[in-house]
Amino acid sequence: MKREIKFRAWNKRDGYMLDDAIYFKSDMSEVALWNGLVYPEYDKQIWKETILMQFTGLLDKNGKEIYEGDILEHLDSTYEGSDDNECFIGVVEYDTTNATFRSSGEDFARERIEVIGNIYENPELI
């Protein structure tokens, strides 16, 4: 299985999202990557106040990338074709027990889903 490994980051201090961002730290160096550019001397304090969210490798029904922390609207496919389609809202989290991404404890790969926000920029949605 091959999938793209990428992250975005929420800056808690200043309240903004960094797309395509990741921070590496080792015994020899600290490096910040943002939108494909390397920042060896990037403000380390910002990264201490930053939350990384991994891309799940999945897209929603509109082709939008799904990340940890995204808020999804699920349409339960159990009732497909019925007028009583059930919708619910869930937050994407990594399930360490099953080594998979889930939303509100449900495996969302087989459902019709849409990203409607994330827990940092749209907490009112949950």
PDB file of N, CA and C in Angstrom:
ATOM      1  N   MET A   1       0.850  -1.171   0.000  1.00  0.00           N
ATOM      2  CA  MET A   1       0.000   0.000   0.000  1.00  0.00           C
ATOM      3  C   MET A   1       0.895   1.234   0.000  1.00  0.00           C
ATOM      4  N   LYS A   2       0.580   2.153  -0.875  1.00  0.00           N
ATOM      5  CA  LYS A   2       1.374   3.372  -0.984  1.00  0.00           C
ATOM      6  C   LYS A   2       0.451   4.567  -0.782  1.00  0.00           C
ATOM      7  N   ARG A   3       0.814   5.456   0.140  1.00  0.00           N
ATOM      8  CA  ARG A   3       0.038   6.671   0.341  1.00  0.00           C
ATOM      9  C   ARG A   3       0.965   7.815   0.682  1.00  0.00           C
ATOM     10  N   GLU A   4       0.484   8.998   0.436  1.00  0.00           N
ATOM     11  CA  GLU A   4       1.259  10.202   0.692  1.00  0.00           C
ATOM     12  C   GLU A   4       1.288  10.481   2.198  1.00  0.00           C
ATOM     13  N   ILE A   5       2.469  10.722   2.744  1.00  0.00           N
ATOM     14  CA  ILE A   5       2.623  11.069   4.152  1.00  0.00           C
ATOM     15  C   ILE A   5       2.805  12.577   4.231  1.00  0.00           C
ATOM     16  N   LYS A   6       1.839  13.246   4.840  1.00  0.00           N
ATOM     17  CA  LYS A   6       1.970  14.687   5.008  1.00  0.00           C
ATOM     18  C   LYS A   6       1.181  15.136   6.226  1.00  0.00           C
ATOM     19  N   PHE A   7       1.488  16.337   6.659  1.00  0.00           N
ATOM     20  CA  PHE A   7       0.908  16.882   7.874  1.00  0.00           C
ATOM     21  C   PHE A   7       0.475  18.322   7.638  1.00  0.00           C
ATOM     22  N   ARG A   8      -0.443  18.768   8.464  1.00  0.00           N
ATOM     23  CA  ARG A   8      -0.740  20.188   8.598  1.00  0.00           C
ATOM     24  C   ARG A   8      -0.583  20.489  10.086  1.00  0.00           C
ATOM     25  N   ALA A   9      -0.523  21.762  10.424  1.00  0.00           N
ATOM     26  CA  ALA A   9      -0.266  22.117  11.821  1.00  0.00           C
ATOM     27  C   ALA A   9      -1.144  23.284  12.254  1.00  0.00           C
ATOM     28  N   TRP A  10      -1.688  23.188  13.461  1.00  0.00           N
ATOM     29  CA  TRP A  10      -2.477  24.265  14.062  1.00  0.00           C
ATOM     30  C   TRP A  10      -1.588  25.018  15.032  1.00  0.00           C
ATOM     31  N   ASN A  11      -1.421  26.316  14.814  1.00  0.00           N
ATOM     32  CA  ASN A  11      -0.640  27.152  15.707  1.00  0.00           C
ATOM     33  C   ASN A  11      -1.569  27.663  16.800  1.00  0.00           C
ATOM     34  N   LYS A  12      -1.418  27.109  18.016  1.00  0.00           N
ATOM     35  CA  LYS A  12      -2.300  27.469  19.139  1.00  0.00           C
ATOM     36  C   LYS A  12      -2.115  28.923  19.555  1.00  0.00           C
ATOM     37  N   ARG A  13      -0.876  29.399  19.516  1.00  0.00           N
ATOM     38  CA  ARG A  13      -0.574  30.747  19.996  1.00  0.00           C
ATOM     39  C   ARG A  13      -1.255  31.829  19.159  1.00  0.00           C
ATOM     40  N   ASP A  14      -1.151  31.691  17.832  1.00  0.00           N
ATOM     41  CA  ASP A  14      -1.647  32.739  16.950  1.00  0.00           C
ATOM     42  C   ASP A  14      -2.957  32.382  16.248  1.00  0.00           C
ATOM     43  N   GLY A  15      -3.419  31.125  16.401  1.00  0.00           N
ATOM     44  CA  GLY A  15      -4.706  30.715  15.857  1.00  0.00           C
ATOM     45  C   GLY A  15      -4.781  30.622  14.353  1.00  0.00           C
ATOM     46  N   TYR A  16      -3.816  29.933  13.725  1.00  0.00           N
ATOM     47  CA  TYR A  16      -3.896  29.729  12.282  1.00  0.00           C
ATOM     48  C   TYR A  16      -3.361  28.352  11.912  1.00  0.00           C
ATOM     49  N   MET A  17      -3.787  27.870  10.729  1.00  0.00           N
ATOM     50  CA  MET A  17      -3.409  26.556  10.236  1.00  0.00           C
ATOM     51  C   MET A  17      -2.265  26.696   9.237  1.00  0.00           C
ATOM     52  N   LEU A  18      -1.246  25.856   9.390  1.00  0.00           N
ATOM     53  CA  LEU A  18      -0.145  25.762   8.428  1.00  0.00           C
ATOM     54  C   LEU A  18      -0.385  24.502   7.605  1.00  0.00           C
ATOM     55  N   ASP A  19      -0.641  24.647   6.312  1.00  0.00           N
ATOM     56  CA  ASP A  19      -0.812  23.485   5.449  1.00  0.00           C
ATOM     57  C   ASP A  19       0.561  22.971   5.033  1.00  0.00           C
ATOM     58  N   ASP A  20       0.646  21.672   4.769  1.00  0.00           N
ATOM     59  CA  ASP A  20       1.899  21.032   4.358  1.00  0.00           C
ATOM     60  C   ASP A  20       3.044  21.403   5.288  1.00  0.00           C
ATOM     61  N   ALA A  21       2.843  21.187   6.586  1.00  0.00           N
ATOM     62  CA  ALA A  21       3.840  21.572   7.585  1.00  0.00           C
ATOM     63  C   ALA A  21       4.282  20.359   8.396  1.00  0.00           C
ATOM     64  N   ILE A  22       5.546  20.344   8.771  1.00  0.00           N
ATOM     65  CA  ILE A  22       6.057  19.307   9.669  1.00  0.00           C
ATOM     66  C   ILE A  22       7.314  19.843  10.347  1.00  0.00           C
ATOM     67  N   TYR A  23       7.582  19.332  11.517  1.00  0.00           N
ATOM     68  CA  TYR A  23       8.736  19.757  12.297  1.00  0.00           C
ATOM     69  C   TYR A  23       9.544  18.523  12.669  1.00  0.00           C
ATOM     70  N   PHE A  24      10.832  18.514  12.363  1.00  0.00           N
ATOM     71  CA  PHE A  24      11.718  17.395  12.694  1.00  0.00           C
ATOM     72  C   PHE A  24      12.671  17.828  13.790  1.00  0.00           C
ATOM     73  N   LYS A  25      12.959  16.944  14.726  1.00  0.00           N
ATOM     74  CA  LYS A  25      13.934  17.236  15.770  1.00  0.00           C
ATOM     75  C   LYS A  25      14.801  15.991  15.974  1.00  0.00           C
ATOM     76  N   SER A  26      16.081  16.190  16.017  1.00  0.00           N
ATOM     77  CA  SER A  26      17.010  15.096  16.292  1.00  0.00           C
ATOM     78  C   SER A  26      18.106  15.627  17.205  1.00  0.00           C
ATOM     79  N   ASP A  27      19.025  14.773  17.568  1.00  0.00           N
ATOM     80  CA  ASP A  27      20.131  15.198  18.428  1.00  0.00           C
ATOM     81  C   ASP A  27      21.025  16.229  17.733  1.00  0.00           C
ATOM     82  N   MET A  28      21.032  16.218  16.408  1.00  0.00           N
ATOM     83  CA  MET A  28      21.952  17.078  15.676  1.00  0.00           C
ATOM     84  C   MET A  28      21.317  18.378  15.177  1.00  0.00           C
ATOM     85  N   SER A  29      20.007  18.370  14.909  1.00  0.00           N
ATOM     86  CA  SER A  29      19.428  19.577  14.313  1.00  0.00           C
ATOM     87  C   SER A  29      17.924  19.633  14.542  1.00  0.00           C
ATOM     88  N   GLU A  30      17.379  20.806  14.329  1.00  0.00           N
ATOM     89  CA  GLU A  30      15.939  21.016  14.341  1.00  0.00           C
ATOM     90  C   GLU A  30      15.591  21.708  13.033  1.00  0.00           C
ATOM     91  N   VAL A  31      14.608  21.176  12.328  1.00  0.00           N
ATOM     92  CA  VAL A  31      14.252  21.710  11.021  1.00  0.00           C
ATOM     93  C   VAL A  31      12.737  21.825  10.920  1.00  0.00           C
ATOM     94  N   ALA A  32      12.256  22.925  10.396  1.00  0.00           N
ATOM     95  CA  ALA A  32      10.830  23.099  10.124  1.00  0.00           C
ATOM     96  C   ALA A  32      10.625  23.106   8.624  1.00  0.00           C
ATOM     97  N   LEU A  33       9.614  22.401   8.165  1.00  0.00           N
ATOM     98  CA  LEU A  33       9.233  22.417   6.759  1.00  0.00           C
ATOM     99  C   LEU A  33       7.845  23.017   6.656  1.00  0.00           C
ATOM    100  N   TRP A  34       7.664  23.928   5.734  1.00  0.00           N
ATOM    101  CA  TRP A  34       6.353  24.537   5.527  1.00  0.00           C
ATOM    102  C   TRP A  34       6.192  24.809   4.051  1.00  0.00           C
ATOM    103  N   ASN A  35       5.160  24.236   3.463  1.00  0.00           N
ATOM    104  CA  ASN A  35       4.894  24.350   2.030  1.00  0.00           C
ATOM    105  C   ASN A  35       6.118  23.995   1.191  1.00  0.00           C
ATOM    106  N   GLY A  36       6.828  22.947   1.620  1.00  0.00           N
ATOM    107  CA  GLY A  36       7.957  22.438   0.860  1.00  0.00           C
ATOM    108  C   GLY A  36       9.261  23.181   1.041  1.00  0.00           C
ATOM    109  N   LEU A  37       9.299  24.252   1.843  1.00  0.00           N
ATOM    110  CA  LEU A  37      10.532  25.010   2.078  1.00  0.00           C
ATOM    111  C   LEU A  37      11.111  24.659   3.439  1.00  0.00           C
ATOM    112  N   VAL A  38      12.425  24.609   3.541  1.00  0.00           N
ATOM    113  CA  VAL A  38      13.109  24.253   4.782  1.00  0.00           C
ATOM    114  C   VAL A  38      13.491  25.514   5.541  1.00  0.00           C
ATOM    115  N   TYR A  39      13.173  25.543   6.835  1.00  0.00           N
ATOM    116  CA  TYR A  39      13.486  26.672   7.712  1.00  0.00           C
ATOM    117  C   TYR A  39      14.321  26.160   8.893  1.00  0.00           C
ATOM    118  N   PRO A  40      15.664  26.062   8.741  1.00  0.00           N
ATOM    119  CA  PRO A  40      16.479  25.503   9.819  1.00  0.00           C
ATOM    120  C   PRO A  40      16.443  26.313  11.108  1.00  0.00           C
ATOM    121  N   GLU A  41      16.269  27.596  11.032  1.00  0.00           N
ATOM    122  CA  GLU A  41      16.267  28.445  12.226  1.00  0.00           C
ATOM    123  C   GLU A  41      14.871  28.974  12.529  1.00  0.00           C
ATOM    124  N   TYR A  42      13.829  28.227  12.153  1.00  0.00           N
ATOM    125  CA  TYR A  42      12.453  28.666  12.379  1.00  0.00           C
ATOM    126  C   TYR A  42      12.189  28.838  13.868  1.00  0.00           C
ATOM    127  N   ASP A  43      11.338  29.752  14.226  1.00  0.00           N
ATOM    128  CA  ASP A  43      11.003  30.052  15.617  1.00  0.00           C
ATOM    129  C   ASP A  43      10.559  28.779  16.346  1.00  0.00           C
ATOM    130  N   LYS A  44      11.430  28.240  17.182  1.00  0.00           N
ATOM    131  CA  LYS A  44      11.147  26.983  17.884  1.00  0.00           C
ATOM    132  C   LYS A  44       9.976  27.106  18.846  1.00  0.00           C
ATOM    133  N   GLN A  45       9.731  28.283  19.367  1.00  0.00           N
ATOM    134  CA  GLN A  45       8.613  28.488  20.285  1.00  0.00           C
ATOM    135  C   GLN A  45       7.279  28.262  19.582  1.00  0.00           C
ATOM    136  N   ILE A  46       7.180  28.676  18.309  1.00  0.00           N
ATOM    137  CA  ILE A  46       5.952  28.445  17.551  1.00  0.00           C
ATOM    138  C   ILE A  46       5.669  26.951  17.463  1.00  0.00           C
ATOM    139  N   TRP A  47       6.697  26.134  17.219  1.00  0.00           N
ATOM    140  CA  TRP A  47       6.486  24.696  17.090  1.00  0.00           C
ATOM    141  C   TRP A  47       6.123  24.053  18.419  1.00  0.00           C
ATOM    142  N   LYS A  48       6.565  24.640  19.526  1.00  0.00           N
ATOM    143  CA  LYS A  48       6.167  24.115  20.835  1.00  0.00           C
ATOM    144  C   LYS A  48       4.690  24.359  21.084  1.00  0.00           C
ATOM    145  N   GLU A  49       4.123  25.338  20.403  1.00  0.00           N
ATOM    146  CA  GLU A  49       2.712  25.691  20.557  1.00  0.00           C
ATOM    147  C   GLU A  49       1.904  25.266  19.330  1.00  0.00           C
ATOM    148  N   THR A  50       2.367  24.204  18.656  1.00  0.00           N
ATOM    149  CA  THR A  50       1.744  23.755  17.421  1.00  0.00           C
ATOM    150  C   THR A  50       1.304  22.297  17.552  1.00  0.00           C
ATOM    151  N   ILE A  51       0.148  21.995  16.997  1.00  0.00           N
ATOM    152  CA  ILE A  51      -0.396  20.634  17.010  1.00  0.00           C
ATOM    153  C   ILE A  51      -0.334  20.082  15.592  1.00  0.00           C
ATOM    154  N   LEU A  52       0.391  18.971  15.397  1.00  0.00           N
ATOM    155  CA  LEU A  52       0.484  18.343  14.081  1.00  0.00           C
ATOM    156  C   LEU A  52      -0.698  17.411  13.864  1.00  0.00           C
ATOM    157  N   MET A  53      -1.217  17.407  12.647  1.00  0.00           N
ATOM    158  CA  MET A  53      -2.312  16.521  12.257  1.00  0.00           C
ATOM    159  C   MET A  53      -1.907  15.794  10.977  1.00  0.00           C
ATOM    160  N   GLN A  54      -1.973  14.461  11.005  1.00  0.00           N
ATOM    161  CA  GLN A  54      -1.548  13.669   9.863  1.00  0.00           C
ATOM    162  C   GLN A  54      -2.683  13.480   8.851  1.00  0.00           C
ATOM    163  N   PHE A  55      -2.312  13.506   7.577  1.00  0.00           N
ATOM    164  CA  PHE A  55      -3.228  13.199   6.486  1.00  0.00           C
ATOM    165  C   PHE A  55      -3.558  11.712   6.548  1.00  0.00           C
ATOM    166  N   THR A  56      -4.836  11.363   6.452  1.00  0.00           N
ATOM    167  CA  THR A  56      -5.257   9.956   6.560  1.00  0.00           C
ATOM    168  C   THR A  56      -5.005   9.158   5.290  1.00  0.00           C
ATOM    169  N   GLY A  57      -4.779   9.859   4.191  1.00  0.00           N
ATOM    170  CA  GLY A  57      -4.652   9.176   2.907  1.00  0.00           C
ATOM    171  C   GLY A  57      -5.994   9.038   2.206  1.00  0.00           C
ATOM    172  N   LEU A  58      -7.063   9.534   2.847  1.00  0.00           N
ATOM    173  CA  LEU A  58      -8.411   9.431   2.304  1.00  0.00           C
ATOM    174  C   LEU A  58      -8.939  10.801   1.895  1.00  0.00           C
ATOM    175  N   LEU A  59      -9.880  10.789   0.974  1.00  0.00           N
ATOM    176  CA  LEU A  59     -10.547  11.999   0.520  1.00  0.00           C
ATOM    177  C   LEU A  59     -12.040  11.886   0.836  1.00  0.00           C
ATOM    178  N   ASP A  60     -12.694  13.029   1.071  1.00  0.00           N
ATOM    179  CA  ASP A  60     -14.138  12.992   1.296  1.00  0.00           C
ATOM    180  C   ASP A  60     -14.860  12.914  -0.051  1.00  0.00           C
ATOM    181  N   LYS A  61     -16.187  12.937  -0.019  1.00  0.00           N
ATOM    182  CA  LYS A  61     -16.972  12.778  -1.254  1.00  0.00           C
ATOM    183  C   LYS A  61     -16.745  13.910  -2.250  1.00  0.00           C
ATOM    184  N   ASN A  62     -16.172  15.030  -1.798  1.00  0.00           N
ATOM    185  CA  ASN A  62     -15.874  16.166  -2.679  1.00  0.00           C
ATOM    186  C   ASN A  62     -14.410  16.220  -3.099  1.00  0.00           C
ATOM    187  N   GLY A  63     -13.633  15.204  -2.720  1.00  0.00           N
ATOM    188  CA  GLY A  63     -12.216  15.162  -3.072  1.00  0.00           C
ATOM    189  C   GLY A  63     -11.319  15.931  -2.121  1.00  0.00           C
ATOM    190  N   LYS A  64     -11.852  16.378  -0.975  1.00  0.00           N
ATOM    191  CA  LYS A  64     -11.054  17.117   0.009  1.00  0.00           C
ATOM    192  C   LYS A  64     -10.279  16.131   0.887  1.00  0.00           C
ATOM    193  N   GLU A  65      -9.012  16.453   1.152  1.00  0.00           N
ATOM    194  CA  GLU A  65      -8.176  15.601   1.996  1.00  0.00           C
ATOM    195  C   GLU A  65      -8.717  15.564   3.426  1.00  0.00           C
ATOM    196  N   ILE A  66      -8.627  14.382   4.057  1.00  0.00           N
ATOM    197  CA  ILE A  66      -9.101  14.199   5.426  1.00  0.00           C
ATOM    198  C   ILE A  66      -7.893  14.060   6.350  1.00  0.00           C
ATOM    199  N   TYR A  67      -7.842  14.925   7.379  1.00  0.00           N
ATOM    200  CA  TYR A  67      -6.757  14.935   8.363  1.00  0.00           C
ATOM    201  C   TYR A  67      -7.298  14.597   9.750  1.00  0.00           C
ATOM    202  N   GLU A  68      -6.388  14.171  10.638  1.00  0.00           N
ATOM    203  CA  GLU A  68      -6.740  14.055  12.054  1.00  0.00           C
ATOM    204  C   GLU A  68      -7.298  15.403  12.500  1.00  0.00           C
ATOM    205  N   GLY A  69      -8.301  15.379  13.351  1.00  0.00           N
ATOM    206  CA  GLY A  69      -8.882  16.609  13.850  1.00  0.00           C
ATOM    207  C   GLY A  69      -9.970  17.199  12.967  1.00  0.00           C
ATOM    208  N   ASP A  70     -10.165  16.625  11.775  1.00  0.00           N
ATOM    209  CA  ASP A  70     -11.250  17.100  10.915  1.00  0.00           C
ATOM    210  C   ASP A  70     -12.590  16.669  11.495  1.00  0.00           C
ATOM    211  N   ILE A  71     -13.596  17.479  11.243  1.00  0.00           N
ATOM    212  CA  ILE A  71     -14.966  17.154  11.630  1.00  0.00           C
ATOM    213  C   ILE A  71     -15.675  16.686  10.373  1.00  0.00           C
ATOM    214  N   LEU A  72     -16.231  15.471  10.449  1.00  0.00           N
ATOM    215  CA  LEU A  72     -16.880  14.864   9.303  1.00  0.00           C
ATOM    216  C   LEU A  72     -18.380  14.748   9.530  1.00  0.00           C
ATOM    217  N   GLU A  73     -19.124  14.950   8.466  1.00  0.00           N
ATOM    218  CA  GLU A  73     -20.545  14.628   8.482  1.00  0.00           C
ATOM    219  C   GLU A  73     -20.667  13.284   7.771  1.00  0.00           C
ATOM    220  N   HIS A  74     -21.222  12.314   8.467  1.00  0.00           N
ATOM    221  CA  HIS A  74     -21.397  10.966   7.925  1.00  0.00           C
ATOM    222  C   HIS A  74     -22.846  10.780   7.495  1.00  0.00           C
ATOM    223  N   LEU A  75     -23.038  10.182   6.346  1.00  0.00           N
ATOM    224  CA  LEU A  75     -24.358   9.735   5.943  1.00  0.00           C
ATOM    225  C   LEU A  75     -24.313   8.220   6.012  1.00  0.00           C
ATOM    226  N   ASP A  76     -25.056   7.637   6.925  1.00  0.00           N
ATOM    227  CA  ASP A  76     -25.033   6.194   7.152  1.00  0.00           C
ATOM    228  C   ASP A  76     -25.515   5.478   5.897  1.00  0.00           C
ATOM    229  N   SER A  77     -24.628   4.710   5.276  1.00  0.00           N
ATOM    230  CA  SER A  77     -24.963   4.017   4.037  1.00  0.00           C
ATOM    231  C   SER A  77     -25.876   2.821   4.271  1.00  0.00           C
ATOM    232  N   THR A  78     -26.116   2.446   5.519  1.00  0.00           N
ATOM    233  CA  THR A  78     -27.015   1.344   5.829  1.00  0.00           C
ATOM    234  C   THR A  78     -28.403   1.611   5.265  1.00  0.00           C
ATOM    235  N   TYR A  79     -28.781   2.877   5.264  1.00  0.00           N
ATOM    236  CA  TYR A  79     -30.125   3.250   4.837  1.00  0.00           C
ATOM    237  C   TYR A  79     -30.152   3.835   3.432  1.00  0.00           C
ATOM    238  N   GLU A  80     -29.141   3.548   2.639  1.00  0.00           N
ATOM    239  CA  GLU A  80     -29.054   4.108   1.297  1.00  0.00           C
ATOM    240  C   GLU A  80     -30.309   3.757   0.495  1.00  0.00           C
ATOM    241  N   GLY A  81     -30.846   4.737  -0.173  1.00  0.00           N
ATOM    242  CA  GLY A  81     -32.053   4.528  -0.951  1.00  0.00           C
ATOM    243  C   GLY A  81     -33.317   4.767  -0.157  1.00  0.00           C
ATOM    244  N   SER A  82     -33.174   4.941   1.142  1.00  0.00           N
ATOM    245  CA  SER A  82     -34.317   5.207   2.006  1.00  0.00           C
ATOM    246  C   SER A  82     -34.447   6.704   2.224  1.00  0.00           C
ATOM    247  N   ASP A  83     -35.655   7.149   2.519  1.00  0.00           N
ATOM    248  CA  ASP A  83     -35.874   8.558   2.848  1.00  0.00           C
ATOM    249  C   ASP A  83     -35.408   8.867   4.261  1.00  0.00           C
ATOM    250  N   ASP A  84     -35.070   7.856   5.022  1.00  0.00           N
ATOM    251  CA  ASP A  84     -34.693   8.020   6.428  1.00  0.00           C
ATOM    252  C   ASP A  84     -33.185   7.939   6.626  1.00  0.00           C
ATOM    253  N   ASN A  85     -32.389   8.449   5.663  1.00  0.00           N
ATOM    254  CA  ASN A  85     -30.930   8.422   5.807  1.00  0.00           C
ATOM    255  C   ASN A  85     -30.522   9.105   7.104  1.00  0.00           C
ATOM    256  N   GLU A  86     -29.674   8.447   7.854  1.00  0.00           N
ATOM    257  CA  GLU A  86     -29.231   8.962   9.144  1.00  0.00           C
ATOM    258  C   GLU A  86     -27.888   9.661   8.993  1.00  0.00           C
ATOM    259  N   CYS A  87     -27.769  10.875   9.506  1.00  0.00           N
ATOM    260  CA  CYS A  87     -26.525  11.636   9.472  1.00  0.00           C
ATOM    261  C   CYS A  87     -25.999  11.798  10.890  1.00  0.00           C
ATOM    262  N   PHE A  88     -24.684  11.795  11.033  1.00  0.00           N
ATOM    263  CA  PHE A  88     -24.083  12.142  12.308  1.00  0.00           C
ATOM    264  C   PHE A  88     -22.743  12.816  12.075  1.00  0.00           C
ATOM    265  N   ILE A  89     -22.272  13.526  13.097  1.00  0.00           N
ATOM    266  CA  ILE A  89     -21.021  14.272  13.045  1.00  0.00           C
ATOM    267  C   ILE A  89     -19.972  13.517  13.854  1.00  0.00           C
ATOM    268  N   GLY A  90     -18.739  13.461  13.350  1.00  0.00           N
ATOM    269  CA  GLY A  90     -17.661  12.794  14.068  1.00  0.00           C
ATOM    270  C   GLY A  90     -16.335  13.492  13.835  1.00  0.00           C
ATOM    271  N   VAL A  91     -15.396  13.250  14.735  1.00  0.00           N
ATOM    272  CA  VAL A  91     -14.050  13.830  14.656  1.00  0.00           C
ATOM    273  C   VAL A  91     -13.064  12.721  14.297  1.00  0.00           C
ATOM    274  N   VAL A  92     -12.169  12.995  13.361  1.00  0.00           N
ATOM    275  CA  VAL A  92     -11.181  12.023  12.909  1.00  0.00           C
ATOM    276  C   VAL A  92     -10.074  11.891  13.959  1.00  0.00           C
ATOM    277  N   GLU A  93      -9.843  10.650  14.393  1.00  0.00           N
ATOM    278  CA  GLU A  93      -8.784  10.336  15.360  1.00  0.00           C
ATOM    279  C   GLU A  93      -8.073   9.074  14.916  1.00  0.00           C
ATOM    280  N   TYR A  94      -6.837   8.894  15.383  1.00  0.00           N
ATOM    281  CA  TYR A  94      -6.092   7.682  15.088  1.00  0.00           C
ATOM    282  C   TYR A  94      -6.391   6.652  16.161  1.00  0.00           C
ATOM    283  N   ASP A  95      -6.794   5.470  15.748  1.00  0.00           N
ATOM    284  CA  ASP A  95      -7.106   4.361  16.651  1.00  0.00           C
ATOM    285  C   ASP A  95      -5.860   3.478  16.757  1.00  0.00           C
ATOM    286  N   THR A  96      -5.136   3.597  17.877  1.00  0.00           N
ATOM    287  CA  THR A  96      -3.881   2.853  18.033  1.00  0.00           C
ATOM    288  C   THR A  96      -4.110   1.353  18.159  1.00  0.00           C
ATOM    289  N   THR A  97      -5.255   0.941  18.669  1.00  0.00           N
ATOM    290  CA  THR A  97      -5.553  -0.483  18.829  1.00  0.00           C
ATOM    291  C   THR A  97      -5.640  -1.185  17.480  1.00  0.00           C
ATOM    292  N   ASN A  98      -6.293  -0.552  16.528  1.00  0.00           N
ATOM    293  CA  ASN A  98      -6.500  -1.151  15.209  1.00  0.00           C
ATOM    294  C   ASN A  98      -5.636  -0.537  14.112  1.00  0.00           C
ATOM    295  N   ALA A  99      -4.771   0.401  14.474  1.00  0.00           N
ATOM    296  CA  ALA A  99      -3.865   1.063  13.527  1.00  0.00           C
ATOM    297  C   ALA A  99      -4.616   1.601  12.309  1.00  0.00           C
ATOM    298  N   THR A 100      -5.650   2.403  12.593  1.00  0.00           N
ATOM    299  CA  THR A 100      -6.447   2.991  11.524  1.00  0.00           C
ATOM    300  C   THR A 100      -7.018   4.324  11.981  1.00  0.00           C
ATOM    301  N   PHE A 101      -7.430   5.135  11.035  1.00  0.00           N
ATOM    302  CA  PHE A 101      -8.117   6.381  11.363  1.00  0.00           C
ATOM    303  C   PHE A 101      -9.601   6.090  11.470  1.00  0.00           C
ATOM    304  N   ARG A 102     -10.240   6.681  12.475  1.00  0.00           N
ATOM    305  CA  ARG A 102     -11.668   6.496  12.698  1.00  0.00           C
ATOM    306  C   ARG A 102     -12.294   7.833  13.039  1.00  0.00           C
ATOM    307  N   SER A 103     -13.600   7.873  12.953  1.00  0.00           N
ATOM    308  CA  SER A 103     -14.352   9.059  13.331  1.00  0.00           C
ATOM    309  C   SER A 103     -15.440   8.632  14.293  1.00  0.00           C
ATOM    310  N   SER A 104     -15.360   9.125  15.523  1.00  0.00           N
ATOM    311  CA  SER A 104     -16.312   8.759  16.581  1.00  0.00           C
ATOM    312  C   SER A 104     -16.423   7.249  16.734  1.00  0.00           C
ATOM    313  N   GLY A 105     -15.289   6.565  16.644  1.00  0.00           N
ATOM    314  CA  GLY A 105     -15.259   5.121  16.837  1.00  0.00           C
ATOM    315  C   GLY A 105     -15.718   4.317  15.644  1.00  0.00           C
ATOM    316  N   GLU A 106     -16.137   4.968  14.577  1.00  0.00           N
ATOM    317  CA  GLU A 106     -16.629   4.268  13.392  1.00  0.00           C
ATOM    318  C   GLU A 106     -15.573   4.295  12.289  1.00  0.00           C
ATOM    319  N   ASP A 107     -15.439   3.172  11.582  1.00  0.00           N
ATOM    320  CA  ASP A 107     -14.588   3.134  10.399  1.00  0.00           C
ATOM    321  C   ASP A 107     -15.328   3.883   9.304  1.00  0.00           C
ATOM    322  N   PHE A 108     -14.728   4.944   8.775  1.00  0.00           N
ATOM    323  CA  PHE A 108     -15.453   5.782   7.833  1.00  0.00           C
ATOM    324  C   PHE A 108     -15.082   5.546   6.378  1.00  0.00           C
ATOM    325  N   ALA A 109     -14.255   4.556   6.096  1.00  0.00           N
ATOM    326  CA  ALA A 109     -13.822   4.340   4.717  1.00  0.00           C
ATOM    327  C   ALA A 109     -14.981   3.919   3.811  1.00  0.00           C
ATOM    328  N   ARG A 110     -15.998   3.275   4.348  1.00  0.00           N
ATOM    329  CA  ARG A 110     -17.083   2.764   3.515  1.00  0.00           C
ATOM    330  C   ARG A 110     -18.318   3.667   3.513  1.00  0.00           C
ATOM    331  N   GLU A 111     -18.287   4.745   4.236  1.00  0.00           N
ATOM    332  CA  GLU A 111     -19.451   5.630   4.316  1.00  0.00           C
ATOM    333  C   GLU A 111     -19.290   6.844   3.426  1.00  0.00           C
ATOM    334  N   ARG A 112     -20.402   7.483   3.140  1.00  0.00           N
ATOM    335  CA  ARG A 112     -20.368   8.747   2.416  1.00  0.00           C
ATOM    336  C   ARG A 112     -20.092   9.834   3.445  1.00  0.00           C
ATOM    337  N   ILE A 113     -18.979  10.528   3.278  1.00  0.00           N
ATOM    338  CA  ILE A 113     -18.555  11.520   4.274  1.00  0.00           C
ATOM    339  C   ILE A 113     -18.178  12.836   3.618  1.00  0.00           C
ATOM    340  N   GLU A 114     -18.244  13.897   4.428  1.00  0.00           N
ATOM    341  CA  GLU A 114     -17.850  15.217   3.960  1.00  0.00           C
ATOM    342  C   GLU A 114     -17.145  15.947   5.102  1.00  0.00           C
ATOM    343  N   VAL A 115     -15.979  16.544   4.804  1.00  0.00           N
ATOM    344  CA  VAL A 115     -15.281  17.378   5.780  1.00  0.00           C
ATOM    345  C   VAL A 115     -16.060  18.684   5.893  1.00  0.00           C
ATOM    346  N   ILE A 116     -16.502  19.008   7.121  1.00  0.00           N
ATOM    347  CA  ILE A 116     -17.261  20.247   7.320  1.00  0.00           C
ATOM    348  C   ILE A 116     -16.493  21.256   8.174  1.00  0.00           C
ATOM    349  N   GLY A 117     -15.293  20.889   8.621  1.00  0.00           N
ATOM    350  CA  GLY A 117     -14.458  21.784   9.420  1.00  0.00           C
ATOM    351  C   GLY A 117     -13.410  20.998  10.166  1.00  0.00           C
ATOM    352  N   ASN A 118     -12.814  21.635  11.180  1.00  0.00           N
ATOM    353  CA  ASN A 118     -11.872  20.936  12.050  1.00  0.00           C
ATOM    354  C   ASN A 118     -12.059  21.441  13.481  1.00  0.00           C
ATOM    355  N   ILE A 119     -11.512  20.692  14.430  1.00  0.00           N
ATOM    356  CA  ILE A 119     -11.775  20.979  15.850  1.00  0.00           C
ATOM    357  C   ILE A 119     -11.131  22.269  16.334  1.00  0.00           C
ATOM    358  N   TYR A 120     -10.194  22.820  15.592  1.00  0.00           N
ATOM    359  CA  TYR A 120      -9.508  24.031  16.024  1.00  0.00           C
ATOM    360  C   TYR A 120     -10.154  25.299  15.461  1.00  0.00           C
ATOM    361  N   GLU A 121     -10.521  25.265  14.200  1.00  0.00           N
ATOM    362  CA  GLU A 121     -11.111  26.437  13.580  1.00  0.00           C
ATOM    363  C   GLU A 121     -12.637  26.462  13.699  1.00  0.00           C
ATOM    364  N   ASN A 122     -13.257  25.297  13.925  1.00  0.00           N
ATOM    365  CA  ASN A 122     -14.719  25.207  13.974  1.00  0.00           C
ATOM    366  C   ASN A 122     -15.211  24.361  15.149  1.00  0.00           C
ATOM    367  N   PRO A 123     -14.797  24.644  16.374  1.00  0.00           N
ATOM    368  CA  PRO A 123     -15.188  23.804  17.519  1.00  0.00           C
ATOM    369  C   PRO A 123     -16.699  23.801  17.758  1.00  0.00           C
ATOM    370  N   GLU A 124     -17.400  24.793  17.268  1.00  0.00           N
ATOM    371  CA  GLU A 124     -18.857  24.865  17.464  1.00  0.00           C
ATOM    372  C   GLU A 124     -19.589  23.770  16.700  1.00  0.00           C
ATOM    373  N   LEU A 125     -18.949  23.107  15.742  1.00  0.00           N
ATOM    374  CA  LEU A 125     -19.596  22.074  14.948  1.00  0.00           C
ATOM    375  C   LEU A 125     -19.726  20.744  15.678  1.00  0.00           C
ATOM    376  N   ILE A 126     -18.966  20.564  16.758  1.00  0.00           N
ATOM    377  CA  ILE A 126     -19.052  19.280  17.485  1.00  0.00           C
ATOM    378  C   ILE A 126     -19.861  19.388  18.753  1.00  0.00           C
TER     379      ILE A 126
END
